[in-house]
């Protein structure tokens, strides 16, 4: 899982809250492709978010295998229809999974429309995180060993 700093986390959370409200969904989860829960919004206490995240990532991985078998790179959207609740799963910025749980208060069409808009916003946040992670040209991070002197090494190994 990559490190998400507070400002980006807040933006991700805000985007999820907006999506939940705009899509009239029960809950929205953002999960990394390794199955780690990143953020959520809505009626999340109703769900085991750890299991939901890992099973969703497994579902996406299995579906990616199916896609490759038929010559596709990936299936970017998955939909599971239940008797009461439905799940819409989509890939965001080729690095995260957006899971929307909704019921009869919404529709698949509305969820799909709102997910497209939210995905653009989430991708912008991920792109900004990438830019922050890449050190500026000419700027190198100091080695963790740069402050260790020969005397420190001698003292460590002397009796």
N, C-alpha and C. Protein backbone atom coordinates (compact mmCIF):
# COMPACT_ATOMS: atom_id res chain seq x y z
N UNK A 1 0.84 -1.18 0.00
CA UNK A 1 0.00 0.00 0.00
C UNK A 1 0.88 1.23 0.00
N UNK A 2 0.51 2.18 -0.79
CA UNK A 2 1.30 3.40 -0.83
C UNK A 2 0.91 4.33 0.31
N UNK A 3 1.78 5.26 0.62
CA UNK A 3 1.53 6.21 1.69
C UNK A 3 0.61 7.30 1.16
N UNK A 4 -0.44 7.58 1.93
CA UNK A 4 -1.37 8.65 1.58
C UNK A 4 -1.26 9.70 2.68
N UNK A 5 -0.85 10.90 2.32
CA UNK A 5 -0.71 11.98 3.30
C UNK A 5 -2.07 12.61 3.58
N UNK A 6 -2.16 13.30 4.70
CA UNK A 6 -3.42 13.87 5.18
C UNK A 6 -4.18 14.71 4.15
N UNK A 7 -3.55 15.65 3.44
CA UNK A 7 -4.32 16.45 2.48
C UNK A 7 -4.95 15.60 1.36
N UNK A 8 -4.19 14.64 0.86
CA UNK A 8 -4.72 13.78 -0.20
C UNK A 8 -5.79 12.85 0.35
N UNK A 9 -5.59 12.35 1.57
CA UNK A 9 -6.59 11.49 2.18
C UNK A 9 -7.92 12.24 2.33
N UNK A 10 -7.85 13.47 2.77
CA UNK A 10 -9.08 14.29 2.91
C UNK A 10 -9.77 14.48 1.57
N UNK A 11 -8.99 14.73 0.52
CA UNK A 11 -9.57 14.90 -0.81
C UNK A 11 -10.21 13.61 -1.31
N UNK A 12 -9.56 12.47 -1.05
CA UNK A 12 -10.14 11.18 -1.42
C UNK A 12 -11.44 10.95 -0.66
N UNK A 13 -11.43 11.21 0.64
CA UNK A 13 -12.63 11.04 1.46
C UNK A 13 -13.76 11.95 0.98
N UNK A 14 -13.43 13.21 0.68
CA UNK A 14 -14.45 14.16 0.20
C UNK A 14 -15.07 13.68 -1.10
N UNK A 15 -14.24 13.16 -2.00
CA UNK A 15 -14.74 12.66 -3.28
C UNK A 15 -15.68 11.47 -3.06
N UNK A 16 -15.33 10.60 -2.12
CA UNK A 16 -16.17 9.44 -1.82
C UNK A 16 -17.50 9.88 -1.19
N UNK A 17 -17.45 10.86 -0.31
CA UNK A 17 -18.69 11.37 0.31
C UNK A 17 -19.61 11.97 -0.75
N UNK A 18 -19.03 12.74 -1.66
CA UNK A 18 -19.82 13.33 -2.75
C UNK A 18 -20.44 12.25 -3.63
N UNK A 19 -19.62 11.25 -3.97
CA UNK A 19 -20.12 10.15 -4.80
C UNK A 19 -21.26 9.43 -4.10
N UNK A 20 -21.10 9.13 -2.83
CA UNK A 20 -22.15 8.43 -2.09
C UNK A 20 -23.45 9.22 -2.13
N UNK A 21 -23.34 10.51 -1.92
CA UNK A 21 -24.53 11.37 -1.91
C UNK A 21 -25.12 11.50 -3.32
N UNK A 22 -24.29 11.79 -4.31
CA UNK A 22 -24.77 12.01 -5.68
C UNK A 22 -25.36 10.74 -6.30
N UNK A 23 -24.82 9.58 -5.93
CA UNK A 23 -25.30 8.31 -6.49
C UNK A 23 -26.40 7.70 -5.62
N UNK A 24 -26.67 8.34 -4.50
CA UNK A 24 -27.66 7.83 -3.54
C UNK A 24 -27.33 6.39 -3.15
N UNK A 25 -26.04 6.15 -2.88
CA UNK A 25 -25.55 4.82 -2.55
C UNK A 25 -25.56 4.61 -1.03
N UNK A 26 -25.53 3.36 -0.62
CA UNK A 26 -25.43 3.04 0.80
C UNK A 26 -24.03 3.31 1.32
N UNK A 27 -23.04 2.84 0.57
CA UNK A 27 -21.66 2.99 1.00
C UNK A 27 -20.73 2.97 -0.20
N UNK A 28 -19.59 3.61 -0.03
CA UNK A 28 -18.56 3.67 -1.07
C UNK A 28 -17.22 3.37 -0.41
N UNK A 29 -16.44 2.50 -1.03
CA UNK A 29 -15.12 2.14 -0.50
C UNK A 29 -14.07 2.35 -1.58
N UNK A 30 -12.90 2.82 -1.17
CA UNK A 30 -11.75 2.92 -2.06
C UNK A 30 -10.72 1.93 -1.52
N UNK A 31 -10.27 1.03 -2.40
CA UNK A 31 -9.43 -0.09 -2.01
C UNK A 31 -8.22 -0.13 -2.93
N UNK A 32 -7.04 -0.46 -2.40
CA UNK A 32 -5.91 -0.62 -3.32
C UNK A 32 -5.98 -2.02 -3.93
N UNK A 33 -5.20 -2.22 -4.99
CA UNK A 33 -5.29 -3.50 -5.72
C UNK A 33 -4.77 -4.68 -4.92
N UNK A 34 -4.10 -4.42 -3.80
CA UNK A 34 -3.65 -5.50 -2.92
C UNK A 34 -4.71 -5.87 -1.89
N UNK A 35 -5.85 -5.18 -1.92
CA UNK A 35 -6.93 -5.50 -1.00
C UNK A 35 -6.90 -4.73 0.30
N UNK A 36 -6.15 -3.64 0.35
CA UNK A 36 -6.10 -2.81 1.55
C UNK A 36 -7.12 -1.69 1.44
N UNK A 37 -7.88 -1.50 2.50
CA UNK A 37 -8.88 -0.45 2.58
C UNK A 37 -8.17 0.91 2.65
N UNK A 38 -8.53 1.85 1.78
CA UNK A 38 -7.92 3.18 1.79
C UNK A 38 -8.83 4.18 2.48
N UNK A 39 -10.09 4.27 2.01
CA UNK A 39 -11.04 5.24 2.57
C UNK A 39 -12.45 4.75 2.26
N UNK A 40 -13.43 5.35 2.97
CA UNK A 40 -14.82 4.94 2.77
C UNK A 40 -15.75 6.08 3.15
N UNK A 41 -17.01 5.94 2.70
CA UNK A 41 -18.04 6.92 3.05
C UNK A 41 -19.39 6.21 3.07
N UNK A 42 -20.29 6.72 3.90
CA UNK A 42 -21.64 6.16 3.94
C UNK A 42 -21.84 5.22 5.11
N UNK A 43 -22.75 4.26 4.93
CA UNK A 43 -23.14 3.32 5.97
C UNK A 43 -22.12 2.19 6.09
N UNK A 44 -20.87 2.56 6.35
CA UNK A 44 -19.77 1.60 6.33
C UNK A 44 -19.76 0.67 7.54
N UNK A 45 -20.34 1.09 8.66
CA UNK A 45 -20.33 0.26 9.86
C UNK A 45 -21.13 -1.02 9.67
N UNK A 46 -21.98 -1.04 8.67
CA UNK A 46 -22.81 -2.20 8.36
C UNK A 46 -21.99 -3.34 7.72
N UNK A 47 -20.77 -3.03 7.27
CA UNK A 47 -19.97 -3.99 6.52
C UNK A 47 -18.63 -4.25 7.19
N UNK A 48 -18.10 -5.45 7.01
CA UNK A 48 -16.75 -5.80 7.45
C UNK A 48 -15.81 -5.29 6.36
N UNK A 49 -15.27 -4.09 6.56
CA UNK A 49 -14.50 -3.43 5.50
C UNK A 49 -13.22 -4.18 5.15
N UNK A 50 -12.61 -4.87 6.10
CA UNK A 50 -11.39 -5.62 5.81
C UNK A 50 -11.68 -6.78 4.87
N UNK A 51 -12.71 -7.56 5.19
CA UNK A 51 -13.09 -8.68 4.32
C UNK A 51 -13.58 -8.17 2.97
N UNK A 52 -14.37 -7.12 3.00
CA UNK A 52 -14.91 -6.56 1.76
C UNK A 52 -13.78 -6.11 0.83
N UNK A 53 -12.76 -5.46 1.41
CA UNK A 53 -11.63 -4.98 0.61
C UNK A 53 -10.85 -6.14 0.00
N UNK A 54 -10.54 -7.15 0.80
CA UNK A 54 -9.73 -8.25 0.27
C UNK A 54 -10.51 -9.09 -0.74
N UNK A 55 -11.80 -9.33 -0.48
CA UNK A 55 -12.60 -10.09 -1.44
C UNK A 55 -12.83 -9.32 -2.74
N UNK A 56 -12.99 -8.02 -2.64
CA UNK A 56 -13.16 -7.20 -3.85
C UNK A 56 -11.89 -7.24 -4.69
N UNK A 57 -10.74 -7.10 -4.04
CA UNK A 57 -9.47 -7.17 -4.78
C UNK A 57 -9.30 -8.54 -5.43
N UNK A 58 -9.69 -9.59 -4.72
CA UNK A 58 -9.62 -10.93 -5.29
C UNK A 58 -10.56 -11.09 -6.48
N UNK A 59 -11.73 -10.51 -6.38
CA UNK A 59 -12.70 -10.53 -7.47
C UNK A 59 -12.12 -9.84 -8.71
N UNK A 60 -11.51 -8.67 -8.50
CA UNK A 60 -10.91 -7.92 -9.60
C UNK A 60 -9.76 -8.72 -10.21
N UNK A 61 -8.94 -9.33 -9.37
CA UNK A 61 -7.81 -10.13 -9.88
C UNK A 61 -8.31 -11.32 -10.70
N UNK A 62 -9.34 -12.00 -10.22
CA UNK A 62 -9.89 -13.14 -10.96
C UNK A 62 -10.48 -12.67 -12.29
N UNK A 63 -11.17 -11.55 -12.27
CA UNK A 63 -11.77 -11.02 -13.49
C UNK A 63 -10.69 -10.56 -14.47
N UNK A 64 -9.58 -10.05 -13.95
CA UNK A 64 -8.45 -9.68 -14.83
C UNK A 64 -7.93 -10.93 -15.54
N UNK A 65 -7.89 -12.04 -14.83
CA UNK A 65 -7.47 -13.30 -15.45
C UNK A 65 -8.42 -13.71 -16.57
N UNK A 66 -9.72 -13.56 -16.33
CA UNK A 66 -10.71 -13.86 -17.36
C UNK A 66 -10.53 -12.95 -18.58
N UNK A 67 -10.30 -11.67 -18.32
CA UNK A 67 -10.11 -10.71 -19.41
C UNK A 67 -8.93 -11.11 -20.29
N UNK A 68 -7.84 -11.47 -19.65
CA UNK A 68 -6.64 -11.85 -20.42
C UNK A 68 -6.89 -13.11 -21.25
N UNK A 69 -7.68 -14.02 -20.72
CA UNK A 69 -8.01 -15.25 -21.45
C UNK A 69 -8.73 -14.97 -22.77
N UNK A 70 -9.49 -13.89 -22.79
CA UNK A 70 -10.22 -13.57 -24.03
C UNK A 70 -9.58 -12.43 -24.81
N UNK A 71 -8.36 -12.03 -24.38
CA UNK A 71 -7.62 -11.02 -25.13
C UNK A 71 -7.85 -9.58 -24.73
N UNK A 72 -8.49 -9.37 -23.59
CA UNK A 72 -8.70 -8.00 -23.09
C UNK A 72 -7.61 -7.67 -22.08
N UNK A 73 -7.30 -6.38 -21.94
CA UNK A 73 -6.31 -5.97 -20.94
C UNK A 73 -6.91 -6.11 -19.54
N UNK A 74 -8.14 -5.62 -19.38
CA UNK A 74 -8.86 -5.73 -18.11
C UNK A 74 -10.33 -5.41 -18.36
N UNK A 75 -11.16 -5.80 -17.41
CA UNK A 75 -12.55 -5.34 -17.39
C UNK A 75 -12.57 -4.24 -16.34
N UNK A 76 -12.77 -3.01 -16.77
CA UNK A 76 -12.65 -1.90 -15.84
C UNK A 76 -13.88 -1.68 -14.98
N UNK A 77 -15.00 -2.33 -15.33
CA UNK A 77 -16.22 -2.18 -14.54
C UNK A 77 -16.84 -3.56 -14.33
N UNK A 78 -17.25 -3.83 -13.09
CA UNK A 78 -17.95 -5.06 -12.73
C UNK A 78 -19.24 -4.69 -12.02
N UNK A 79 -20.26 -5.48 -12.20
CA UNK A 79 -21.53 -5.23 -11.53
C UNK A 79 -22.09 -6.55 -11.03
N UNK A 80 -22.51 -6.55 -9.77
CA UNK A 80 -23.14 -7.72 -9.17
C UNK A 80 -24.51 -7.29 -8.66
N UNK A 81 -25.54 -7.97 -9.13
CA UNK A 81 -26.90 -7.62 -8.75
C UNK A 81 -27.41 -8.63 -7.74
N UNK A 82 -27.82 -8.12 -6.59
CA UNK A 82 -28.40 -8.96 -5.55
C UNK A 82 -29.90 -8.73 -5.47
N UNK A 83 -30.53 -9.43 -4.54
CA UNK A 83 -31.96 -9.27 -4.36
C UNK A 83 -32.28 -7.90 -3.77
N UNK A 84 -31.49 -7.48 -2.76
CA UNK A 84 -31.68 -6.18 -2.12
C UNK A 84 -30.59 -5.19 -2.49
N UNK A 85 -29.35 -5.64 -2.37
CA UNK A 85 -28.20 -4.75 -2.58
C UNK A 85 -27.45 -5.14 -3.83
N UNK A 86 -26.81 -4.14 -4.41
CA UNK A 86 -26.04 -4.33 -5.63
C UNK A 86 -24.65 -3.74 -5.42
N UNK A 87 -23.69 -4.28 -6.16
CA UNK A 87 -22.31 -3.81 -6.05
C UNK A 87 -21.81 -3.40 -7.43
N UNK A 88 -21.26 -2.19 -7.49
CA UNK A 88 -20.61 -1.69 -8.70
C UNK A 88 -19.14 -1.54 -8.36
N UNK A 89 -18.28 -2.17 -9.14
CA UNK A 89 -16.83 -2.14 -8.90
C UNK A 89 -16.17 -1.55 -10.14
N UNK A 90 -15.28 -0.59 -9.94
CA UNK A 90 -14.56 -0.02 -11.07
C UNK A 90 -13.10 0.24 -10.68
N UNK A 91 -12.26 0.24 -11.69
CA UNK A 91 -10.84 0.51 -11.50
C UNK A 91 -10.62 2.00 -11.70
N UNK A 92 -9.88 2.60 -10.78
CA UNK A 92 -9.59 4.03 -10.86
C UNK A 92 -8.10 4.23 -11.08
N UNK A 93 -7.75 4.93 -12.15
CA UNK A 93 -6.36 5.29 -12.44
C UNK A 93 -5.45 4.06 -12.50
N UNK A 94 -6.00 2.92 -12.87
CA UNK A 94 -5.27 1.65 -13.00
C UNK A 94 -4.53 1.25 -11.72
N UNK A 95 -4.96 1.81 -10.56
CA UNK A 95 -4.23 1.52 -9.33
C UNK A 95 -5.11 1.29 -8.12
N UNK A 96 -6.38 1.66 -8.20
CA UNK A 96 -7.27 1.50 -7.05
C UNK A 96 -8.62 0.96 -7.52
N UNK A 97 -9.38 0.47 -6.57
CA UNK A 97 -10.69 -0.10 -6.85
C UNK A 97 -11.74 0.72 -6.12
N UNK A 98 -12.75 1.13 -6.84
CA UNK A 98 -13.85 1.88 -6.27
C UNK A 98 -15.05 0.94 -6.18
N UNK A 99 -15.53 0.72 -4.97
CA UNK A 99 -16.64 -0.18 -4.72
C UNK A 99 -17.83 0.63 -4.23
N UNK A 100 -18.96 0.54 -4.94
CA UNK A 100 -20.17 1.26 -4.57
C UNK A 100 -21.25 0.22 -4.26
N UNK A 101 -21.80 0.31 -3.07
CA UNK A 101 -22.90 -0.56 -2.67
C UNK A 101 -24.17 0.27 -2.68
N UNK A 102 -25.17 -0.20 -3.42
CA UNK A 102 -26.42 0.57 -3.51
C UNK A 102 -27.63 -0.37 -3.52
N UNK A 103 -28.80 0.21 -3.27
CA UNK A 103 -30.03 -0.57 -3.25
C UNK A 103 -31.08 0.10 -4.13
N UNK A 104 -32.35 -0.18 -3.87
CA UNK A 104 -33.43 0.33 -4.71
C UNK A 104 -33.57 1.85 -4.68
N UNK A 105 -32.91 2.53 -3.75
CA UNK A 105 -32.96 3.99 -3.70
C UNK A 105 -32.18 4.62 -4.86
N UNK A 106 -31.40 3.81 -5.57
CA UNK A 106 -30.60 4.30 -6.69
C UNK A 106 -30.80 3.37 -7.88
N UNK A 107 -30.04 3.63 -8.94
CA UNK A 107 -30.10 2.77 -10.12
C UNK A 107 -28.69 2.58 -10.68
N UNK A 108 -28.51 1.52 -11.44
CA UNK A 108 -27.21 1.25 -12.04
C UNK A 108 -26.78 2.41 -12.93
N UNK A 109 -27.71 2.96 -13.70
CA UNK A 109 -27.38 4.08 -14.59
C UNK A 109 -26.86 5.29 -13.82
N UNK A 110 -27.53 5.63 -12.73
CA UNK A 110 -27.09 6.77 -11.92
C UNK A 110 -25.72 6.50 -11.30
N UNK A 111 -25.54 5.29 -10.77
CA UNK A 111 -24.26 4.94 -10.15
C UNK A 111 -23.15 5.03 -11.19
N UNK A 112 -23.35 4.45 -12.36
CA UNK A 112 -22.32 4.49 -13.41
C UNK A 112 -21.95 5.92 -13.78
N UNK A 113 -22.97 6.77 -13.94
CA UNK A 113 -22.74 8.17 -14.30
C UNK A 113 -21.92 8.88 -13.23
N UNK A 114 -22.30 8.71 -11.98
CA UNK A 114 -21.60 9.39 -10.88
C UNK A 114 -20.20 8.83 -10.64
N UNK A 115 -20.03 7.52 -10.87
CA UNK A 115 -18.71 6.91 -10.71
C UNK A 115 -17.74 7.47 -11.74
N UNK A 116 -18.22 7.68 -12.97
CA UNK A 116 -17.34 8.25 -14.01
C UNK A 116 -16.81 9.61 -13.57
N UNK A 117 -17.69 10.45 -13.05
CA UNK A 117 -17.27 11.79 -12.60
C UNK A 117 -16.32 11.70 -11.41
N UNK A 118 -16.64 10.83 -10.45
CA UNK A 118 -15.79 10.69 -9.27
C UNK A 118 -14.42 10.12 -9.64
N UNK A 119 -14.39 9.23 -10.62
CA UNK A 119 -13.12 8.62 -11.03
C UNK A 119 -12.14 9.66 -11.56
N UNK A 120 -12.66 10.64 -12.27
CA UNK A 120 -11.81 11.73 -12.78
C UNK A 120 -11.19 12.49 -11.61
N UNK A 121 -12.00 12.78 -10.62
CA UNK A 121 -11.53 13.51 -9.44
C UNK A 121 -10.51 12.68 -8.66
N UNK A 122 -10.78 11.40 -8.47
CA UNK A 122 -9.86 10.53 -7.74
C UNK A 122 -8.54 10.39 -8.49
N UNK A 123 -8.60 10.29 -9.81
CA UNK A 123 -7.38 10.18 -10.61
C UNK A 123 -6.51 11.41 -10.43
N UNK A 124 -7.11 12.59 -10.35
CA UNK A 124 -6.34 13.82 -10.13
C UNK A 124 -5.59 13.76 -8.80
N UNK A 125 -6.24 13.24 -7.78
CA UNK A 125 -5.58 13.12 -6.48
C UNK A 125 -4.42 12.13 -6.57
N UNK A 126 -4.64 10.98 -7.21
CA UNK A 126 -3.56 10.00 -7.37
C UNK A 126 -2.40 10.58 -8.18
N UNK A 127 -2.71 11.33 -9.24
CA UNK A 127 -1.65 11.95 -10.04
C UNK A 127 -0.84 12.94 -9.20
N UNK A 128 -1.52 13.69 -8.35
CA UNK A 128 -0.82 14.64 -7.48
C UNK A 128 0.07 13.89 -6.48
N UNK A 129 -0.43 12.76 -5.98
CA UNK A 129 0.39 11.96 -5.07
C UNK A 129 1.64 11.46 -5.78
N UNK A 130 1.50 11.06 -7.05
CA UNK A 130 2.66 10.62 -7.83
C UNK A 130 3.67 11.74 -7.99
N UNK A 131 3.19 12.94 -8.29
CA UNK A 131 4.10 14.08 -8.46
C UNK A 131 4.85 14.37 -7.17
N UNK A 132 4.17 14.26 -6.03
CA UNK A 132 4.83 14.51 -4.75
C UNK A 132 5.86 13.43 -4.44
N UNK A 133 5.62 12.21 -4.91
CA UNK A 133 6.51 11.09 -4.62
C UNK A 133 7.79 11.14 -5.44
N UNK A 134 7.75 11.80 -6.60
CA UNK A 134 8.93 11.89 -7.46
C UNK A 134 9.77 13.08 -7.02
N UNK A 135 11.02 12.84 -6.60
CA UNK A 135 11.86 13.95 -6.18
C UNK A 135 12.14 14.89 -7.35
N UNK A 136 12.22 16.18 -7.03
CA UNK A 136 12.51 17.16 -8.07
C UNK A 136 13.86 16.87 -8.70
N UNK A 137 13.99 17.22 -9.97
CA UNK A 137 15.23 16.96 -10.70
C UNK A 137 16.40 17.68 -10.04
N UNK A 138 17.46 16.96 -9.84
CA UNK A 138 18.65 17.55 -9.23
C UNK A 138 18.65 17.45 -7.72
N UNK A 139 17.52 17.12 -7.11
CA UNK A 139 17.42 17.01 -5.67
C UNK A 139 17.46 15.53 -5.31
N UNK A 140 18.47 15.17 -4.54
CA UNK A 140 18.56 13.77 -4.12
C UNK A 140 18.35 13.70 -2.62
N UNK A 141 17.75 12.61 -2.19
CA UNK A 141 17.54 12.42 -0.76
C UNK A 141 18.84 11.94 -0.14
N UNK A 142 19.14 12.42 1.07
CA UNK A 142 20.38 12.00 1.72
C UNK A 142 20.31 10.53 2.09
N UNK A 143 21.47 9.89 2.03
CA UNK A 143 21.57 8.49 2.41
C UNK A 143 21.37 8.37 3.92
N UNK A 144 20.73 7.31 4.39
CA UNK A 144 20.56 7.15 5.83
C UNK A 144 21.90 6.90 6.53
N UNK A 145 22.94 6.59 5.75
CA UNK A 145 24.26 6.32 6.31
C UNK A 145 25.18 7.54 6.26
N UNK A 146 24.71 8.66 5.73
CA UNK A 146 25.58 9.82 5.51
C UNK A 146 26.10 10.43 6.81
N UNK A 147 25.37 10.25 7.91
CA UNK A 147 25.80 10.85 9.17
C UNK A 147 26.72 9.93 9.99
N UNK A 148 26.93 8.71 9.54
CA UNK A 148 27.76 7.77 10.27
C UNK A 148 29.23 8.01 9.91
N UNK A 149 30.03 8.19 10.93
CA UNK A 149 31.46 8.47 10.70
C UNK A 149 32.27 7.19 10.88
N UNK A 150 33.53 7.26 10.46
CA UNK A 150 34.45 6.13 10.66
C UNK A 150 34.61 5.84 12.14
N UNK A 151 34.62 6.88 12.97
CA UNK A 151 34.74 6.70 14.42
C UNK A 151 33.54 5.92 14.96
N UNK A 152 32.33 6.20 14.43
CA UNK A 152 31.13 5.48 14.86
C UNK A 152 31.26 3.99 14.54
N UNK A 153 31.78 3.70 13.35
CA UNK A 153 31.94 2.30 12.94
C UNK A 153 32.99 1.62 13.82
N UNK A 154 34.13 2.30 14.05
CA UNK A 154 35.17 1.74 14.92
C UNK A 154 34.63 1.48 16.32
N UNK A 155 33.86 2.42 16.86
CA UNK A 155 33.31 2.27 18.21
C UNK A 155 32.33 1.11 18.26
N UNK A 156 31.61 0.88 17.20
CA UNK A 156 30.62 -0.20 17.15
C UNK A 156 31.29 -1.57 17.21
N UNK A 157 32.43 -1.70 16.52
CA UNK A 157 33.09 -3.01 16.43
C UNK A 157 34.25 -3.19 17.42
N UNK A 158 34.57 -2.20 18.18
CA UNK A 158 35.69 -2.34 19.14
C UNK A 158 35.14 -2.91 20.45
N UNK A 159 36.02 -3.54 21.17
CA UNK A 159 35.62 -4.15 22.44
C UNK A 159 35.98 -3.31 23.61
